[in-house]
């Protein structure tokens, strides 16, 4: 029995033999059955899509510039909150588009020709 287990551990059987087929079957069972038995914690994101369209443009190879409508950000346009609070609110607003793997470099508020206010955010991946 010790010799059999050692040969299974070191995978010494030639391809096409009975023991080789047993090992391959065990591996395939492990791959197919374990997601049903264990919770690996991988779930789709619960973040809903953005309620209003966002404009995303490249920043000349340095990152992205994202224009977010002000109604999608939980901040007052003339806020005096700390930069940490502003970054947190902007990150929450752009997360449905960029995911969470971006860092916010800077931001500003802009008004378009129709008078709609937006946040322009420079991010880097």
Protein backbone atom coordinates (compact mmCIF):
# COMPACT_ATOMS: atom_id res chain seq x y z
CA UNK A 1 0.00 0.00 0.00
CA UNK A 2 2.89 2.36 0.83
CA UNK A 3 4.39 1.79 -2.63
CA UNK A 4 1.00 2.45 -4.29
CA UNK A 5 0.48 5.75 -2.43
CA UNK A 6 4.07 6.81 -3.14
CA UNK A 7 3.62 6.16 -6.87
CA UNK A 8 0.34 8.13 -6.84
CA UNK A 9 2.03 11.02 -5.05
CA UNK A 10 4.96 11.14 -7.48
CA UNK A 11 2.75 10.37 -10.51
CA UNK A 12 4.93 7.57 -11.82
CA UNK A 13 2.34 5.77 -13.92
CA UNK A 14 2.52 5.98 -17.73
CA UNK A 15 -0.21 7.72 -19.67
CA UNK A 16 -3.14 5.49 -20.55
CA UNK A 17 -2.68 3.09 -17.64
CA UNK A 18 -5.46 2.37 -15.16
CA UNK A 19 -3.79 4.29 -12.31
CA UNK A 20 -3.12 7.29 -14.53
CA UNK A 21 -6.81 7.37 -15.47
CA UNK A 22 -7.74 7.17 -11.77
CA UNK A 23 -5.53 10.17 -10.96
CA UNK A 24 -6.96 12.22 -13.82
CA UNK A 25 -10.51 11.31 -12.79
CA UNK A 26 -9.82 12.37 -9.18
CA UNK A 27 -8.42 15.71 -10.35
CA UNK A 28 -11.41 16.36 -12.61
CA UNK A 29 -13.80 15.44 -9.81
CA UNK A 30 -12.00 17.83 -7.48
CA UNK A 31 -12.27 20.66 -10.02
CA UNK A 32 -15.93 19.96 -10.76
CA UNK A 33 -17.22 19.19 -7.26
CA UNK A 34 -15.41 21.63 -4.95
CA UNK A 35 -17.23 24.78 -6.13
CA UNK A 36 -20.47 23.12 -5.01
CA UNK A 37 -19.05 22.06 -1.63
CA UNK A 38 -17.00 25.11 -0.61
CA UNK A 39 -17.87 28.79 -0.78
CA UNK A 40 -14.86 30.52 -2.32
CA UNK A 41 -16.47 33.94 -1.83
CA UNK A 42 -16.39 34.94 -5.49
CA UNK A 43 -19.64 36.68 -6.36
CA UNK A 44 -20.61 39.26 -8.97
CA UNK A 45 -20.40 42.85 -7.84
CA UNK A 46 -23.53 44.19 -6.18
CA UNK A 47 -22.83 47.68 -7.48
CA UNK A 48 -25.56 48.67 -9.89
CA UNK A 49 -24.68 50.44 -13.10
CA UNK A 50 -24.44 54.20 -13.14
CA UNK A 51 -27.85 55.94 -13.16
CA UNK A 52 -26.63 58.56 -15.65
CA UNK A 53 -24.06 58.18 -18.44
CA UNK A 54 -20.43 58.98 -17.64
CA UNK A 55 -17.86 60.17 -20.12
CA UNK A 56 -14.53 58.31 -19.99
CA UNK A 57 -11.59 59.51 -22.07
CA UNK A 58 -7.88 58.72 -22.04
CA UNK A 59 -5.41 61.12 -20.48
CA UNK A 60 -2.61 60.68 -22.98
CA UNK A 61 -1.34 57.42 -21.52
CA UNK A 62 -1.29 58.76 -17.97
CA UNK A 63 -4.72 57.46 -16.97
CA UNK A 64 -8.36 58.29 -17.52
CA UNK A 65 -10.53 61.38 -17.21
CA UNK A 66 -14.04 60.53 -16.07
CA UNK A 67 -16.85 63.08 -16.15
CA UNK A 68 -19.56 62.18 -13.62
CA UNK A 69 -22.88 64.07 -13.40
CA UNK A 70 -23.08 65.88 -10.07
CA UNK A 71 -26.39 64.18 -9.23
CA UNK A 72 -24.55 60.82 -9.12
CA UNK A 73 -22.09 61.98 -6.45
CA UNK A 74 -23.22 62.21 -2.82
CA UNK A 75 -21.54 65.58 -2.32
CA UNK A 76 -22.41 69.23 -2.53
CA UNK A 77 -20.55 70.95 -5.38
CA UNK A 78 -19.24 73.60 -3.02
CA UNK A 79 -18.25 71.13 -0.32
CA UNK A 80 -15.60 71.96 2.26
CA UNK A 81 -15.13 68.33 3.28
CA UNK A 82 -11.68 66.82 3.52
CA UNK A 83 -10.02 65.35 0.46
CA UNK A 84 -10.48 61.87 1.92
CA UNK A 85 -14.28 62.32 2.06
CA UNK A 86 -14.37 63.72 -1.48
CA UNK A 87 -12.21 60.89 -2.85
CA UNK A 88 -14.42 58.32 -1.15
CA UNK A 89 -17.61 59.80 -2.66
CA UNK A 90 -16.04 60.10 -6.13
CA UNK A 91 -14.68 56.55 -5.98
CA UNK A 92 -18.14 55.26 -5.05
CA UNK A 93 -19.66 57.12 -8.01
CA UNK A 94 -17.14 55.86 -10.60
CA UNK A 95 -16.80 52.30 -9.27
CA UNK A 96 -19.50 50.81 -11.57
CA UNK A 97 -17.45 51.95 -14.57
CA UNK A 98 -13.84 51.54 -13.41
CA UNK A 99 -14.00 48.91 -10.68
CA UNK A 100 -12.05 49.45 -7.51
CA UNK A 101 -8.52 49.24 -8.94
CA UNK A 102 -8.03 52.97 -9.62
CA UNK A 103 -6.48 55.80 -7.68
CA UNK A 104 -7.92 59.30 -7.89
CA UNK A 105 -5.28 61.92 -8.68
CA UNK A 106 -7.36 65.10 -8.85
CA UNK A 107 -10.82 66.44 -9.61
CA UNK A 108 -12.73 69.61 -10.47
CA UNK A 109 -16.31 70.69 -10.99
CA UNK A 110 -17.39 71.76 -14.47
CA UNK A 111 -20.57 73.10 -16.04
CA UNK A 112 -21.56 72.22 -19.59
CA UNK A 113 -23.36 74.42 -22.15
CA UNK A 114 -26.80 73.32 -20.87
CA UNK A 115 -25.92 74.35 -17.31
CA UNK A 116 -25.53 70.80 -15.97
CA UNK A 117 -22.84 70.47 -13.30
CA UNK A 118 -20.43 67.55 -13.30
CA UNK A 119 -17.32 66.31 -11.54
CA UNK A 120 -14.28 65.74 -13.75
CA UNK A 121 -12.05 63.12 -12.14
CA UNK A 122 -8.51 62.12 -13.17
CA UNK A 123 -7.75 58.51 -12.25
CA UNK A 124 -4.87 56.10 -12.78
CA UNK A 125 -4.98 52.30 -12.83
